[in-house]
């Protein structure tokens, strides 16, 4: 399975996490997995909710959760923000 390494910034903790994500997986599945993991790693700064959103860190543009990471154009070094 092809994966890319992205940086996920968590504003509530002012901290970034490096995460490998599969290119072919739909982003709603990626969102679920990453938000669960970061909820555990953030020591209470991020509470996993039913609705977590990802956006591009530089533009603030929300990512379409119905597309795959590959369709969204994510590549190694992409920077995302988890809200």
PDB file of N, CA and C in Angstrom:
ATOM      1  N   UNK A   1       0.842  -1.177   0.000  1.00  0.00           N
ATOM      2  CA  UNK A   1       0.000   0.000   0.000  1.00  0.00           C
ATOM      3  C   UNK A   1       0.889   1.243   0.000  1.00  0.00           C
ATOM      4  N   UNK A   2       0.650   2.121  -0.940  1.00  0.00           N
ATOM      5  CA  UNK A   2       1.414   3.366  -1.006  1.00  0.00           C
ATOM      6  C   UNK A   2       0.949   4.332   0.071  1.00  0.00           C
ATOM      7  N   UNK A   3       1.904   4.959   0.702  1.00  0.00           N
ATOM      8  CA  UNK A   3       1.600   5.929   1.757  1.00  0.00           C
ATOM      9  C   UNK A   3       2.417   7.186   1.533  1.00  0.00           C
ATOM     10  N   UNK A   4       1.918   8.292   2.102  1.00  0.00           N
ATOM     11  CA  UNK A   4       2.668   9.542   2.084  1.00  0.00           C
ATOM     12  C   UNK A   4       2.806  10.032   3.522  1.00  0.00           C
ATOM     13  N   UNK A   5       3.869  10.756   3.768  1.00  0.00           N
ATOM     14  CA  UNK A   5       4.122  11.318   5.090  1.00  0.00           C
ATOM     15  C   UNK A   5       3.662  12.767   5.086  1.00  0.00           C
ATOM     16  N   UNK A   6       2.674  13.073   5.935  1.00  0.00           N
ATOM     17  CA  UNK A   6       2.154  14.438   6.025  1.00  0.00           C
ATOM     18  C   UNK A   6       2.346  14.960   7.443  1.00  0.00           C
ATOM     19  N   UNK A   7       2.340  16.267   7.563  1.00  0.00           N
ATOM     20  CA  UNK A   7       2.425  16.909   8.871  1.00  0.00           C
ATOM     21  C   UNK A   7       1.020  17.357   9.251  1.00  0.00           C
ATOM     22  N   UNK A   8       0.566  16.940  10.429  1.00  0.00           N
ATOM     23  CA  UNK A   8      -0.756  17.330  10.923  1.00  0.00           C
ATOM     24  C   UNK A   8      -0.549  18.288  12.091  1.00  0.00           C
ATOM     25  N   UNK A   9      -1.019  19.529  11.928  1.00  0.00           N
ATOM     26  CA  UNK A   9      -0.895  20.550  12.973  1.00  0.00           C
ATOM     27  C   UNK A   9      -2.176  20.567  13.794  1.00  0.00           C
ATOM     28  N   UNK A  10      -2.024  20.566  15.102  1.00  0.00           N
ATOM     29  CA  UNK A  10      -3.144  20.630  16.029  1.00  0.00           C
ATOM     30  C   UNK A  10      -3.107  21.980  16.733  1.00  0.00           C
ATOM     31  N   UNK A  11      -3.950  22.944  16.303  1.00  0.00           N
ATOM     32  CA  UNK A  11      -3.890  24.298  16.861  1.00  0.00           C
ATOM     33  C   UNK A  11      -4.122  24.359  18.365  1.00  0.00           C
ATOM     34  N   UNK A  12      -5.008  23.523  18.889  1.00  0.00           N
ATOM     35  CA  UNK A  12      -5.311  23.588  20.317  1.00  0.00           C
ATOM     36  C   UNK A  12      -4.106  23.235  21.190  1.00  0.00           C
ATOM     37  N   UNK A  13      -3.183  22.461  20.668  1.00  0.00           N
ATOM     38  CA  UNK A  13      -1.978  22.090  21.415  1.00  0.00           C
ATOM     39  C   UNK A  13      -0.752  22.807  20.886  1.00  0.00           C
ATOM     40  N   UNK A  14      -0.914  23.554  19.783  1.00  0.00           N
ATOM     41  CA  UNK A  14       0.201  24.210  19.110  1.00  0.00           C
ATOM     42  C   UNK A  14       1.339  23.216  18.851  1.00  0.00           C
ATOM     43  N   UNK A  15       0.946  22.049  18.318  1.00  0.00           N
ATOM     44  CA  UNK A  15       1.892  20.967  18.109  1.00  0.00           C
ATOM     45  C   UNK A  15       1.607  20.286  16.778  1.00  0.00           C
ATOM     46  N   UNK A  16       2.653  19.773  16.152  1.00  0.00           N
ATOM     47  CA  UNK A  16       2.518  19.062  14.882  1.00  0.00           C
ATOM     48  C   UNK A  16       2.904  17.600  15.061  1.00  0.00           C
ATOM     49  N   UNK A  17       2.265  16.756  14.276  1.00  0.00           N
ATOM     50  CA  UNK A  17       2.538  15.317  14.287  1.00  0.00           C
ATOM     51  C   UNK A  17       2.802  14.870  12.857  1.00  0.00           C
ATOM     52  N   UNK A  18       3.798  14.014  12.669  1.00  0.00           N
ATOM     53  CA  UNK A  18       4.067  13.421  11.365  1.00  0.00           C
ATOM     54  C   UNK A  18       3.299  12.111  11.281  1.00  0.00           C
ATOM     55  N   UNK A  19       2.531  11.965  10.201  1.00  0.00           N
ATOM     56  CA  UNK A  19       1.646  10.809  10.065  1.00  0.00           C
ATOM     57  C   UNK A  19       1.748  10.252   8.652  1.00  0.00           C
ATOM     58  N   UNK A  20       1.845   8.943   8.540  1.00  0.00           N
ATOM     59  CA  UNK A  20       1.765   8.280   7.243  1.00  0.00           C
ATOM     60  C   UNK A  20       0.305   7.983   6.948  1.00  0.00           C
ATOM     61  N   UNK A  21      -0.141   8.343   5.753  1.00  0.00           N
ATOM     62  CA  UNK A  21      -1.507   8.029   5.359  1.00  0.00           C
ATOM     63  C   UNK A  21      -1.506   7.324   4.002  1.00  0.00           C
ATOM     64  N   UNK A  22      -2.405   6.359   3.836  1.00  0.00           N
ATOM     65  CA  UNK A  22      -2.495   5.639   2.565  1.00  0.00           C
ATOM     66  C   UNK A  22      -3.078   6.531   1.472  1.00  0.00           C
ATOM     67  N   UNK A  23      -2.561   6.394   0.274  1.00  0.00           N
ATOM     68  CA  UNK A  23      -3.034   7.211  -0.849  1.00  0.00           C
ATOM     69  C   UNK A  23      -4.412   6.800  -1.342  1.00  0.00           C
ATOM     70  N   UNK A  24      -4.747   5.537  -1.269  1.00  0.00           N
ATOM     71  CA  UNK A  24      -5.994   5.035  -1.858  1.00  0.00           C
ATOM     72  C   UNK A  24      -7.198   5.099  -0.920  1.00  0.00           C
ATOM     73  N   UNK A  25      -6.987   5.302   0.361  1.00  0.00           N
ATOM     74  CA  UNK A  25      -8.063   5.322   1.347  1.00  0.00           C
ATOM     75  C   UNK A  25      -8.849   6.625   1.248  1.00  0.00           C
ATOM     76  N   UNK A  26     -10.170   6.539   1.331  1.00  0.00           N
ATOM     77  CA  UNK A  26     -11.004   7.742   1.335  1.00  0.00           C
ATOM     78  C   UNK A  26     -10.680   8.573   2.570  1.00  0.00           C
ATOM     79  N   UNK A  27     -10.755   9.900   2.419  1.00  0.00           N
ATOM     80  CA  UNK A  27     -10.273  10.756   3.496  1.00  0.00           C
ATOM     81  C   UNK A  27     -11.154  10.727   4.735  1.00  0.00           C
ATOM     82  N   UNK A  28     -12.436  10.329   4.623  1.00  0.00           N
ATOM     83  CA  UNK A  28     -13.244  10.207   5.837  1.00  0.00           C
ATOM     84  C   UNK A  28     -12.716   9.077   6.717  1.00  0.00           C
ATOM     85  N   UNK A  29     -12.141   8.038   6.109  1.00  0.00           N
ATOM     86  CA  UNK A  29     -11.531   6.960   6.878  1.00  0.00           C
ATOM     87  C   UNK A  29     -10.214   7.417   7.496  1.00  0.00           C
ATOM     88  N   UNK A  30      -9.451   8.164   6.739  1.00  0.00           N
ATOM     89  CA  UNK A  30      -8.189   8.720   7.237  1.00  0.00           C
ATOM     90  C   UNK A  30      -8.463   9.658   8.411  1.00  0.00           C
ATOM     91  N   UNK A  31      -9.471  10.501   8.274  1.00  0.00           N
ATOM     92  CA  UNK A  31      -9.834  11.450   9.330  1.00  0.00           C
ATOM     93  C   UNK A  31     -10.172  10.714  10.618  1.00  0.00           C
ATOM     94  N   UNK A  32     -10.964   9.666  10.508  1.00  0.00           N
ATOM     95  CA  UNK A  32     -11.347   8.882  11.685  1.00  0.00           C
ATOM     96  C   UNK A  32     -10.114   8.302  12.380  1.00  0.00           C
ATOM     97  N   UNK A  33      -9.226   7.685  11.612  1.00  0.00           N
ATOM     98  CA  UNK A  33      -8.043   7.044  12.190  1.00  0.00           C
ATOM     99  C   UNK A  33      -7.083   8.048  12.829  1.00  0.00           C
ATOM    100  N   UNK A  34      -6.817   9.135  12.126  1.00  0.00           N
ATOM    101  CA  UNK A  34      -5.865  10.126  12.635  1.00  0.00           C
ATOM    102  C   UNK A  34      -6.425  10.845  13.858  1.00  0.00           C
ATOM    103  N   UNK A  35      -7.707  11.189  13.828  1.00  0.00           N
ATOM    104  CA  UNK A  35      -8.268  11.906  14.974  1.00  0.00           C
ATOM    105  C   UNK A  35      -8.263  11.038  16.227  1.00  0.00           C
ATOM    106  N   UNK A  36      -8.494   9.733  16.077  1.00  0.00           N
ATOM    107  CA  UNK A  36      -8.400   8.818  17.229  1.00  0.00           C
ATOM    108  C   UNK A  36      -6.977   8.791  17.785  1.00  0.00           C
ATOM    109  N   UNK A  37      -6.008   8.663  16.891  1.00  0.00           N
ATOM    110  CA  UNK A  37      -4.607   8.584  17.330  1.00  0.00           C
ATOM    111  C   UNK A  37      -4.155   9.879  17.997  1.00  0.00           C
ATOM    112  N   UNK A  38      -4.474  11.003  17.401  1.00  0.00           N
ATOM    113  CA  UNK A  38      -4.032  12.285  17.958  1.00  0.00           C
ATOM    114  C   UNK A  38      -4.764  12.597  19.254  1.00  0.00           C
ATOM    115  N   UNK A  39      -5.988  12.138  19.387  1.00  0.00           N
ATOM    116  CA  UNK A  39      -6.709  12.302  20.645  1.00  0.00           C
ATOM    117  C   UNK A  39      -5.942  11.643  21.791  1.00  0.00           C
ATOM    118  N   UNK A  40      -5.391  10.483  21.537  1.00  0.00           N
ATOM    119  CA  UNK A  40      -4.616   9.781  22.560  1.00  0.00           C
ATOM    120  C   UNK A  40      -3.252  10.428  22.792  1.00  0.00           C
ATOM    121  N   UNK A  41      -2.625  10.933  21.739  1.00  0.00           N
ATOM    122  CA  UNK A  41      -1.277  11.499  21.850  1.00  0.00           C
ATOM    123  C   UNK A  41      -1.250  12.914  22.420  1.00  0.00           C
ATOM    124  N   UNK A  42      -2.362  13.635  22.339  1.00  0.00           N
ATOM    125  CA  UNK A  42      -2.350  15.060  22.685  1.00  0.00           C
ATOM    126  C   UNK A  42      -2.571  15.350  24.167  1.00  0.00           C
ATOM    127  N   UNK A  43      -2.716  14.348  24.978  1.00  0.00           N
ATOM    128  CA  UNK A  43      -2.894  14.534  26.424  1.00  0.00           C
ATOM    129  C   UNK A  43      -4.048  15.471  26.759  1.00  0.00           C
ATOM    130  N   UNK A  44      -5.179  15.281  26.088  1.00  0.00           N
ATOM    131  CA  UNK A  44      -6.375  16.051  26.406  1.00  0.00           C
ATOM    132  C   UNK A  44      -6.558  17.344  25.645  1.00  0.00           C
ATOM    133  N   UNK A  45      -5.609  17.755  24.807  1.00  0.00           N
ATOM    134  CA  UNK A  45      -5.763  18.984  24.045  1.00  0.00           C
ATOM    135  C   UNK A  45      -6.734  18.820  22.884  1.00  0.00           C
ATOM    136  N   UNK A  46      -6.905  17.593  22.417  1.00  0.00           N
ATOM    137  CA  UNK A  46      -7.840  17.325  21.331  1.00  0.00           C
ATOM    138  C   UNK A  46      -8.732  16.175  21.739  1.00  0.00           C
ATOM    139  N   UNK A  47     -10.036  16.423  21.774  1.00  0.00           N
ATOM    140  CA  UNK A  47     -10.996  15.373  22.072  1.00  0.00           C
ATOM    141  C   UNK A  47     -11.606  14.889  20.776  1.00  0.00           C
ATOM    142  N   UNK A  48     -11.458  13.608  20.525  1.00  0.00           N
ATOM    143  CA  UNK A  48     -12.007  13.009  19.316  1.00  0.00           C
ATOM    144  C   UNK A  48     -13.528  13.177  19.336  1.00  0.00           C
ATOM    145  N   UNK A  49     -14.039  13.788  18.299  1.00  0.00           N
ATOM    146  CA  UNK A  49     -15.471  14.016  18.185  1.00  0.00           C
ATOM    147  C   UNK A  49     -15.991  13.298  16.959  1.00  0.00           C
ATOM    148  N   UNK A  50     -17.305  13.255  16.824  1.00  0.00           N
ATOM    149  CA  UNK A  50     -17.880  12.638  15.640  1.00  0.00           C
ATOM    150  C   UNK A  50     -17.470  13.396  14.387  1.00  0.00           C
ATOM    151  N   UNK A  51     -17.321  14.707  14.509  1.00  0.00           N
ATOM    152  CA  UNK A  51     -16.975  15.515  13.344  1.00  0.00           C
ATOM    153  C   UNK A  51     -15.618  16.173  13.556  1.00  0.00           C
ATOM    154  N   UNK A  52     -14.629  15.650  12.869  1.00  0.00           N
ATOM    155  CA  UNK A  52     -13.308  16.268  12.846  1.00  0.00           C
ATOM    156  C   UNK A  52     -13.049  16.688  11.414  1.00  0.00           C
ATOM    157  N   UNK A  53     -12.416  17.810  11.240  1.00  0.00           N
ATOM    158  CA  UNK A  53     -12.173  18.350   9.913  1.00  0.00           C
ATOM    159  C   UNK A  53     -10.690  18.536   9.674  1.00  0.00           C
ATOM    160  N   UNK A  54     -10.291  18.322   8.440  1.00  0.00           N
ATOM    161  CA  UNK A  54      -8.933  18.612   8.015  1.00  0.00           C
ATOM    162  C   UNK A  54      -8.969  19.715   6.980  1.00  0.00           C
ATOM    163  N   UNK A  55      -8.001  20.596   7.060  1.00  0.00           N
ATOM    164  CA  UNK A  55      -7.851  21.623   6.036  1.00  0.00           C
ATOM    165  C   UNK A  55      -6.366  21.755   5.709  1.00  0.00           C
ATOM    166  N   UNK A  56      -6.112  22.398   4.581  1.00  0.00           N
ATOM    167  CA  UNK A  56      -4.724  22.688   4.228  1.00  0.00           C
ATOM    168  C   UNK A  56      -4.237  23.764   5.188  1.00  0.00           C
ATOM    169  N   UNK A  57      -3.072  23.574   5.731  1.00  0.00           N
ATOM    170  CA  UNK A  57      -2.565  24.506   6.742  1.00  0.00           C
ATOM    171  C   UNK A  57      -2.325  25.899   6.166  1.00  0.00           C
ATOM    172  N   UNK A  58      -1.809  25.978   4.964  1.00  0.00           N
ATOM    173  CA  UNK A  58      -1.435  27.276   4.400  1.00  0.00           C
ATOM    174  C   UNK A  58      -2.630  28.091   3.915  1.00  0.00           C
ATOM    175  N   UNK A  59      -3.671  27.411   3.398  1.00  0.00           N
ATOM    176  CA  UNK A  59      -4.801  28.137   2.810  1.00  0.00           C
ATOM    177  C   UNK A  59      -6.074  28.088   3.640  1.00  0.00           C
ATOM    178  N   UNK A  60      -6.187  27.090   4.507  1.00  0.00           N
ATOM    179  CA  UNK A  60      -7.407  26.921   5.285  1.00  0.00           C
ATOM    180  C   UNK A  60      -8.520  26.231   4.503  1.00  0.00           C
ATOM    181  N   UNK A  61      -8.221  25.773   3.301  1.00  0.00           N
ATOM    182  CA  UNK A  61      -9.210  25.112   2.457  1.00  0.00           C
ATOM    183  C   UNK A  61      -9.529  23.731   3.036  1.00  0.00           C
ATOM    184  N   UNK A  62     -10.835  23.464   3.258  1.00  0.00           N
ATOM    185  CA  UNK A  62     -11.262  22.177   3.791  1.00  0.00           C
ATOM    186  C   UNK A  62     -11.054  21.081   2.759  1.00  0.00           C
ATOM    187  N   UNK A  63     -10.684  19.899   3.240  1.00  0.00           N
ATOM    188  CA  UNK A  63     -10.467  18.758   2.356  1.00  0.00           C
ATOM    189  C   UNK A  63     -11.766  17.976   2.198  1.00  0.00           C
ATOM    190  N   UNK A  64     -12.053  17.549   0.983  1.00  0.00           N
ATOM    191  CA  UNK A  64     -13.242  16.768   0.678  1.00  0.00           C
ATOM    192  C   UNK A  64     -13.039  15.347   1.187  1.00  0.00           C
ATOM    193  N   UNK A  65     -13.820  14.943   2.183  1.00  0.00           N
ATOM    194  CA  UNK A  65     -13.629  13.645   2.816  1.00  0.00           C
ATOM    195  C   UNK A  65     -14.052  12.480   1.925  1.00  0.00           C
ATOM    196  N   UNK A  66     -14.751  12.750   0.841  1.00  0.00           N
ATOM    197  CA  UNK A  66     -15.200  11.696  -0.057  1.00  0.00           C
ATOM    198  C   UNK A  66     -14.167  11.337  -1.119  1.00  0.00           C
ATOM    199  N   UNK A  67     -13.072  12.030  -1.134  1.00  0.00           N
ATOM    200  CA  UNK A  67     -11.997  11.760  -2.094  1.00  0.00           C
ATOM    201  C   UNK A  67     -10.857  11.049  -1.381  1.00  0.00           C
ATOM    202  N   UNK A  68     -10.045  10.380  -2.155  1.00  0.00           N
ATOM    203  CA  UNK A  68      -8.875   9.707  -1.578  1.00  0.00           C
ATOM    204  C   UNK A  68      -7.757  10.730  -1.387  1.00  0.00           C
ATOM    205  N   UNK A  69      -6.769  10.345  -0.625  1.00  0.00           N
ATOM    206  CA  UNK A  69      -5.615  11.222  -0.409  1.00  0.00           C
ATOM    207  C   UNK A  69      -4.934  11.535  -1.730  1.00  0.00           C
ATOM    208  N   UNK A  70      -4.893  10.540  -2.609  1.00  0.00           N
ATOM    209  CA  UNK A  70      -4.288  10.719  -3.921  1.00  0.00           C
ATOM    210  C   UNK A  70      -5.082  11.730  -4.756  1.00  0.00           C
ATOM    211  N   UNK A  71      -6.407  11.618  -4.731  1.00  0.00           N
ATOM    212  CA  UNK A  71      -7.256  12.543  -5.476  1.00  0.00           C
ATOM    213  C   UNK A  71      -7.154  13.967  -4.940  1.00  0.00           C
ATOM    214  N   UNK A  72      -6.882  14.089  -3.659  1.00  0.00           N
ATOM    215  CA  UNK A  72      -6.719  15.406  -3.052  1.00  0.00           C
ATOM    216  C   UNK A  72      -5.361  16.025  -3.364  1.00  0.00           C
ATOM    217  N   UNK A  73      -4.474  15.237  -3.939  1.00  0.00           N
ATOM    218  CA  UNK A  73      -3.161  15.746  -4.310  1.00  0.00           C
ATOM    219  C   UNK A  73      -2.160  15.780  -3.169  1.00  0.00           C
ATOM    220  N   UNK A  74      -2.428  15.023  -2.113  1.00  0.00           N
ATOM    221  CA  UNK A  74      -1.488  14.997  -0.995  1.00  0.00           C
ATOM    222  C   UNK A  74      -0.233  14.248  -1.390  1.00  0.00           C
ATOM    223  N   UNK A  75       0.880  14.732  -0.893  1.00  0.00           N
ATOM    224  CA  UNK A  75       2.166  14.103  -1.182  1.00  0.00           C
ATOM    225  C   UNK A  75       3.060  14.247   0.048  1.00  0.00           C
ATOM    226  N   UNK A  76       4.216  13.629   0.007  1.00  0.00           N
ATOM    227  CA  UNK A  76       5.145  13.733   1.132  1.00  0.00           C
ATOM    228  C   UNK A  76       5.413  15.201   1.441  1.00  0.00           C
ATOM    229  N   UNK A  77       5.266  15.568   2.704  1.00  0.00           N
ATOM    230  CA  UNK A  77       5.527  16.936   3.126  1.00  0.00           C
ATOM    231  C   UNK A  77       4.300  17.826   3.147  1.00  0.00           C
ATOM    232  N   UNK A  78       3.136  17.323   2.705  1.00  0.00           N
ATOM    233  CA  UNK A  78       1.923  18.140   2.766  1.00  0.00           C
ATOM    234  C   UNK A  78       1.640  18.506   4.214  1.00  0.00           C
ATOM    235  N   UNK A  79       1.113  19.712   4.409  1.00  0.00           N
ATOM    236  CA  UNK A  79       0.835  20.192   5.772  1.00  0.00           C
ATOM    237  C   UNK A  79      -0.662  20.398   5.918  1.00  0.00           C
ATOM    238  N   UNK A  80      -1.226  19.703   6.915  1.00  0.00           N
ATOM    239  CA  UNK A  80      -2.656  19.760   7.180  1.00  0.00           C
ATOM    240  C   UNK A  80      -2.897  20.271   8.587  1.00  0.00           C
ATOM    241  N   UNK A  81      -4.115  20.717   8.834  1.00  0.00           N
ATOM    242  CA  UNK A  81      -4.502  21.176  10.156  1.00  0.00           C
ATOM    243  C   UNK A  81      -5.762  20.420  10.555  1.00  0.00           C
ATOM    244  N   UNK A  82      -5.774  19.891  11.773  1.00  0.00           N
ATOM    245  CA  UNK A  82      -6.905  19.129  12.300  1.00  0.00           C
ATOM    246  C   UNK A  82      -7.738  20.025  13.203  1.00  0.00           C
ATOM    247  N   UNK A  83      -9.016  20.148  12.864  1.00  0.00           N
ATOM    248  CA  UNK A  83      -9.939  20.995  13.640  1.00  0.00           C
ATOM    249  C   UNK A  83     -11.035  20.157  14.251  1.00  0.00           C
TER     250      UNK A  83
END
